[in-house]
Amino acid sequence: MKAYYLFKKDWQSELRTRYAINALAMFILVTISVILFSIGQEKISEHLTGGLLWVVIFFSAMSGLSRAFVSEEERGTTLTLQLIAAPSTIFNGKLIFNLLLVFLMNIAITFLYAILFDSFVINNVSLFLIAFLLGNIGIAVSSTTIAAIISKASAKGTLYPVLSFPILLPLILTLLELTKFAIDGDTIEESFVEIAVLVCYDVIMLTASYMLFDFIWKD
């Protein structure tokens, strides 16, 4: 229940300031516009558009998801949270907030992609939705933990993408493969190994986050 109240506080604060929402919206619009202008009248392959989708998603996450714990440091409310709630409660509340933000962001990106890129055609929607769901969960969990790590650093903006890239790289590469399979119309059974990798990634990151967050949050 406390995790829900923490999520509610963060969401109401975000609706007032709209820092992350505005940053994500501007980055998405600018990035997709630059891609469209760069392509021009050229015909690009379906696989390339699938790869560009996850590139935009990755860098969009880098521009907005670091605020989960940085905002607490800036407002000076970190000590208060440490006193009134357990570390697991704090993590759950921040994770729910980032999950909502990630899903809203990536649904908007995918919707824009489907409209603006004619070559972005998914022949196996079920496979793409599985990759989309598991990928978003992995991005949210990893981003929440990394945001907690860098919240007390002086160079927060620089450190966040530096730490995120090696951690999220296996996830992004697997998502690229699954998106390629979905575009080609491969079945879920044929993509079982990649789906299993995504599930393992999410489980490992979630388990590691719960095990390490107590030390990260207090130190």
Protein backbone atom coordinates (compact mmCIF):
# COMPACT_ATOMS: atom_id res chain seq x y z
CA MET A 1 0.00 0.00 0.00
CA LYS A 2 2.84 2.41 0.82
CA ALA A 3 4.35 1.67 -2.60
CA TYR A 4 1.10 2.77 -4.21
CA TYR A 5 1.11 6.06 -2.27
CA LEU A 6 4.71 6.68 -3.31
CA PHE A 7 3.77 6.00 -6.94
CA LYS A 8 0.77 8.33 -6.58
CA LYS A 9 3.00 11.08 -5.16
CA ASP A 10 5.48 10.75 -8.03
CA TRP A 11 2.75 10.66 -10.65
CA GLN A 12 0.97 13.73 -9.28
CA SER A 13 4.29 15.55 -9.05
CA GLU A 14 5.06 14.61 -12.66
CA LEU A 15 1.65 15.84 -13.82
CA ARG A 16 2.37 19.18 -12.15
CA THR A 17 5.91 19.68 -13.45
CA ARG A 18 5.74 17.43 -16.57
CA TYR A 19 9.53 17.29 -16.61
CA ALA A 20 9.91 13.68 -17.74
CA ILE A 21 6.80 13.74 -19.96
CA ASN A 22 7.90 16.89 -21.79
CA ALA A 23 11.48 15.64 -22.13
CA LEU A 24 10.31 12.31 -23.54
CA ALA A 25 7.76 13.89 -25.89
CA MET A 26 10.28 16.35 -27.32
CA PHE A 27 12.97 13.70 -27.73
CA ILE A 28 10.57 11.32 -29.48
CA LEU A 29 9.30 13.98 -31.89
CA VAL A 30 12.78 15.32 -32.67
CA THR A 31 14.34 11.87 -33.13
CA ILE A 32 11.61 10.54 -35.40
CA SER A 33 11.61 13.79 -37.41
CA VAL A 34 15.38 13.59 -37.90
CA ILE A 35 15.06 9.98 -39.08
CA LEU A 36 12.31 10.92 -41.53
CA PHE A 37 14.30 13.87 -42.92
CA SER A 38 17.44 11.73 -43.20
CA ILE A 39 15.63 9.01 -45.11
CA GLY A 40 13.81 11.38 -47.44
CA GLN A 41 12.39 9.51 -50.39
CA GLU A 42 14.69 6.52 -49.92
CA LYS A 43 13.12 3.12 -49.40
CA ILE A 44 14.42 1.42 -46.27
CA SER A 45 14.02 -2.23 -45.35
CA GLU A 46 11.55 -3.56 -42.81
CA HIS A 47 14.37 -4.86 -40.61
CA LEU A 48 16.04 -1.46 -40.52
CA THR A 49 12.85 0.24 -39.37
CA GLY A 50 12.52 -2.38 -36.63
CA GLY A 51 16.06 -1.65 -35.49
CA LEU A 52 15.49 2.10 -35.54
CA LEU A 53 12.39 1.63 -33.38
CA TRP A 54 14.40 0.19 -30.50
CA VAL A 55 17.16 2.75 -30.98
CA VAL A 56 14.60 5.52 -30.49
CA ILE A 57 13.13 3.69 -27.48
CA PHE A 58 16.54 3.23 -25.87
CA PHE A 59 17.61 6.85 -26.17
CA SER A 60 14.17 8.09 -25.17
CA ALA A 61 14.47 6.07 -21.97
CA MET A 62 17.86 7.66 -21.35
CA SER A 63 16.34 11.14 -21.58
CA GLY A 64 13.50 10.72 -19.11
CA LEU A 65 13.78 7.74 -16.77
CA SER A 66 16.70 8.98 -14.66
CA ARG A 67 14.39 11.31 -12.73
CA ALA A 68 13.00 8.52 -10.52
CA PHE A 69 15.49 9.14 -7.69
CA VAL A 70 17.26 12.29 -8.87
CA SER A 71 14.11 14.30 -8.14
CA GLU A 72 14.15 13.11 -4.51
CA GLU A 73 17.75 14.29 -4.12
CA GLU A 74 16.95 17.66 -5.66
CA ARG A 75 13.95 18.21 -3.38
CA GLY A 76 15.80 16.95 -0.30
CA THR A 77 13.20 14.27 0.45
CA THR A 78 15.53 11.26 0.36
CA LEU A 79 16.08 11.16 4.12
CA THR A 80 12.35 11.44 4.75
CA LEU A 81 11.66 8.45 2.50
CA GLN A 82 14.38 6.46 4.26
CA LEU A 83 12.69 7.12 7.60
CA ILE A 84 9.09 6.36 6.68
CA ALA A 85 9.38 3.41 4.28
CA ALA A 86 11.38 0.23 3.77
CA PRO A 87 13.80 0.08 0.81
CA SER A 88 11.66 -2.53 -0.94
CA THR A 89 8.64 -0.23 -0.67
CA ILE A 90 10.60 2.66 -2.18
CA PHE A 91 11.79 0.48 -5.03
CA ASN A 92 8.29 -0.85 -5.72
CA GLY A 93 6.80 2.64 -5.85
CA LYS A 94 9.50 3.96 -8.19
CA LEU A 95 9.30 0.83 -10.35
CA ILE A 96 5.53 1.19 -10.81
CA PHE A 97 6.04 4.83 -11.83
CA ASN A 98 8.75 3.93 -14.35
CA LEU A 99 6.70 1.01 -15.71
CA LEU A 100 3.79 3.33 -16.43
CA LEU A 101 6.09 5.93 -17.99
CA VAL A 102 7.89 3.34 -20.14
CA PHE A 103 4.69 1.77 -21.45
CA LEU A 104 3.10 5.14 -22.25
CA MET A 105 6.29 6.28 -23.98
CA ASN A 106 6.81 3.13 -26.03
CA ILE A 107 3.17 2.80 -27.05
CA ALA A 108 3.34 6.37 -28.38
CA ILE A 109 6.60 5.65 -30.23
CA THR A 110 5.26 2.45 -31.78
CA PHE A 111 2.01 4.16 -32.79
CA LEU A 112 3.92 6.98 -34.50
CA TYR A 113 6.17 4.44 -36.20
CA ALA A 114 3.24 2.49 -37.57
CA ILE A 115 1.80 5.70 -39.03
CA LEU A 116 4.94 7.34 -40.41
CA PHE A 117 6.93 4.34 -41.69
CA ASP A 118 5.23 2.36 -44.42
CA SER A 119 7.90 -0.35 -44.30
CA PHE A 120 7.28 -1.02 -40.59
CA VAL A 121 4.93 -3.98 -41.02
CA ILE A 122 4.56 -6.61 -38.28
CA ASN A 123 3.48 -9.96 -39.68
CA ASN A 124 3.32 -11.72 -36.31
CA VAL A 125 1.66 -9.28 -33.91
CA SER A 126 1.55 -11.76 -31.03
CA LEU A 127 5.32 -12.24 -31.11
CA PHE A 128 5.91 -8.50 -31.26
CA LEU A 129 3.56 -7.90 -28.31
CA ILE A 130 5.43 -10.50 -26.22
CA ALA A 131 8.75 -8.82 -27.04
CA PHE A 132 7.21 -5.40 -26.40
CA LEU A 133 5.86 -6.43 -22.98
CA LEU A 134 9.00 -8.20 -21.77
CA GLY A 135 11.26 -5.49 -23.21
CA ASN A 136 9.41 -2.68 -21.46
CA ILE A 137 9.56 -4.51 -18.14
CA GLY A 138 13.31 -5.03 -18.55
CA ILE A 139 13.90 -1.38 -19.45
CA ALA A 140 11.84 -0.16 -16.47
CA VAL A 141 13.53 -2.44 -13.93
CA SER A 142 17.05 -1.69 -15.14
CA SER A 143 16.41 2.05 -15.42
CA THR A 144 14.98 2.24 -11.91
CA THR A 145 18.01 0.55 -10.37
CA ILE A 146 20.48 2.62 -12.38
CA ALA A 147 18.62 5.81 -11.44
CA ALA A 148 19.06 4.91 -7.76
CA ILE A 149 22.78 4.31 -8.27
CA ILE A 150 23.48 7.63 -9.98
CA SER A 151 21.13 9.78 -7.86
CA LYS A 152 23.90 10.85 -5.48
CA ALA A 153 26.54 11.36 -8.19
CA SER A 154 27.57 14.84 -9.28
CA ALA A 155 27.49 14.07 -13.04
CA LYS A 156 24.04 12.46 -13.14
CA GLY A 157 23.22 13.29 -16.76
CA THR A 158 26.47 11.82 -18.07
CA LEU A 159 26.65 8.80 -15.78
CA TYR A 160 23.15 7.50 -16.49
CA PRO A 161 23.62 6.56 -20.18
CA VAL A 162 27.16 5.32 -19.48
CA LEU A 163 25.88 2.80 -16.92
CA SER A 164 22.70 2.00 -18.85
CA PHE A 165 24.30 1.06 -22.16
CA PRO A 166 26.19 -2.10 -21.08
CA ILE A 167 23.31 -3.23 -18.87
CA LEU A 168 20.59 -2.71 -21.48
CA LEU A 169 22.65 -3.83 -24.49
CA PRO A 170 21.80 -7.58 -24.18
CA LEU A 171 18.13 -6.66 -23.83
CA ILE A 172 18.14 -4.36 -26.87
CA LEU A 173 19.98 -6.90 -29.04
CA THR A 174 17.46 -9.61 -28.15
CA LEU A 175 14.57 -7.25 -28.84
CA LEU A 176 16.07 -6.45 -32.24
CA GLU A 177 16.12 -10.16 -33.09
CA LEU A 178 12.55 -10.73 -31.92
CA THR A 179 11.32 -7.70 -33.85
CA LYS A 180 13.04 -9.03 -36.95
CA PHE A 181 11.33 -12.40 -36.44
CA ALA A 182 7.96 -10.68 -35.94
CA ILE A 183 8.43 -8.72 -39.17
CA ASP A 184 9.36 -11.92 -41.02
CA GLY A 185 6.26 -13.65 -39.62
CA ASP A 186 8.13 -16.34 -37.66
CA THR A 187 6.13 -18.26 -35.08
CA ILE A 188 6.45 -17.94 -31.32
CA GLU A 189 7.79 -21.50 -31.16
CA GLU A 190 10.61 -20.61 -33.57
CA SER A 191 11.52 -17.63 -31.38
CA PHE A 192 11.42 -19.55 -28.08
CA VAL A 193 15.14 -19.09 -27.31
CA GLU A 194 15.00 -15.30 -27.66
CA ILE A 195 11.82 -15.11 -25.58
CA ALA A 196 13.47 -17.24 -22.89
CA VAL A 197 16.44 -14.86 -22.89
CA LEU A 198 14.10 -11.91 -22.31
CA VAL A 199 12.32 -13.70 -19.46
CA CYS A 200 15.65 -14.62 -17.85
CA TYR A 201 16.91 -11.06 -18.24
CA ASP A 202 13.82 -9.62 -16.53
CA VAL A 203 13.95 -12.16 -13.69
CA ILE A 204 17.69 -11.66 -13.11
CA MET A 205 17.45 -7.86 -13.13
CA LEU A 206 14.42 -7.86 -10.83
CA THR A 207 16.05 -10.29 -8.40
CA ALA A 208 19.36 -8.41 -8.41
CA SER A 209 17.56 -5.10 -7.90
CA TYR A 210 15.70 -6.33 -4.82
CA MET A 211 18.88 -7.88 -3.40
CA LEU A 212 21.06 -4.81 -3.96
CA PHE A 213 18.62 -1.95 -3.50
CA ASP A 214 18.90 -1.92 0.30
CA PHE A 215 22.64 -1.16 0.00
CA ILE A 216 22.18 1.27 -2.89
CA TRP A 217 19.44 3.23 -1.11
CA LYS A 218 21.20 3.55 2.24
CA ASP A 219 24.68 4.31 0.88
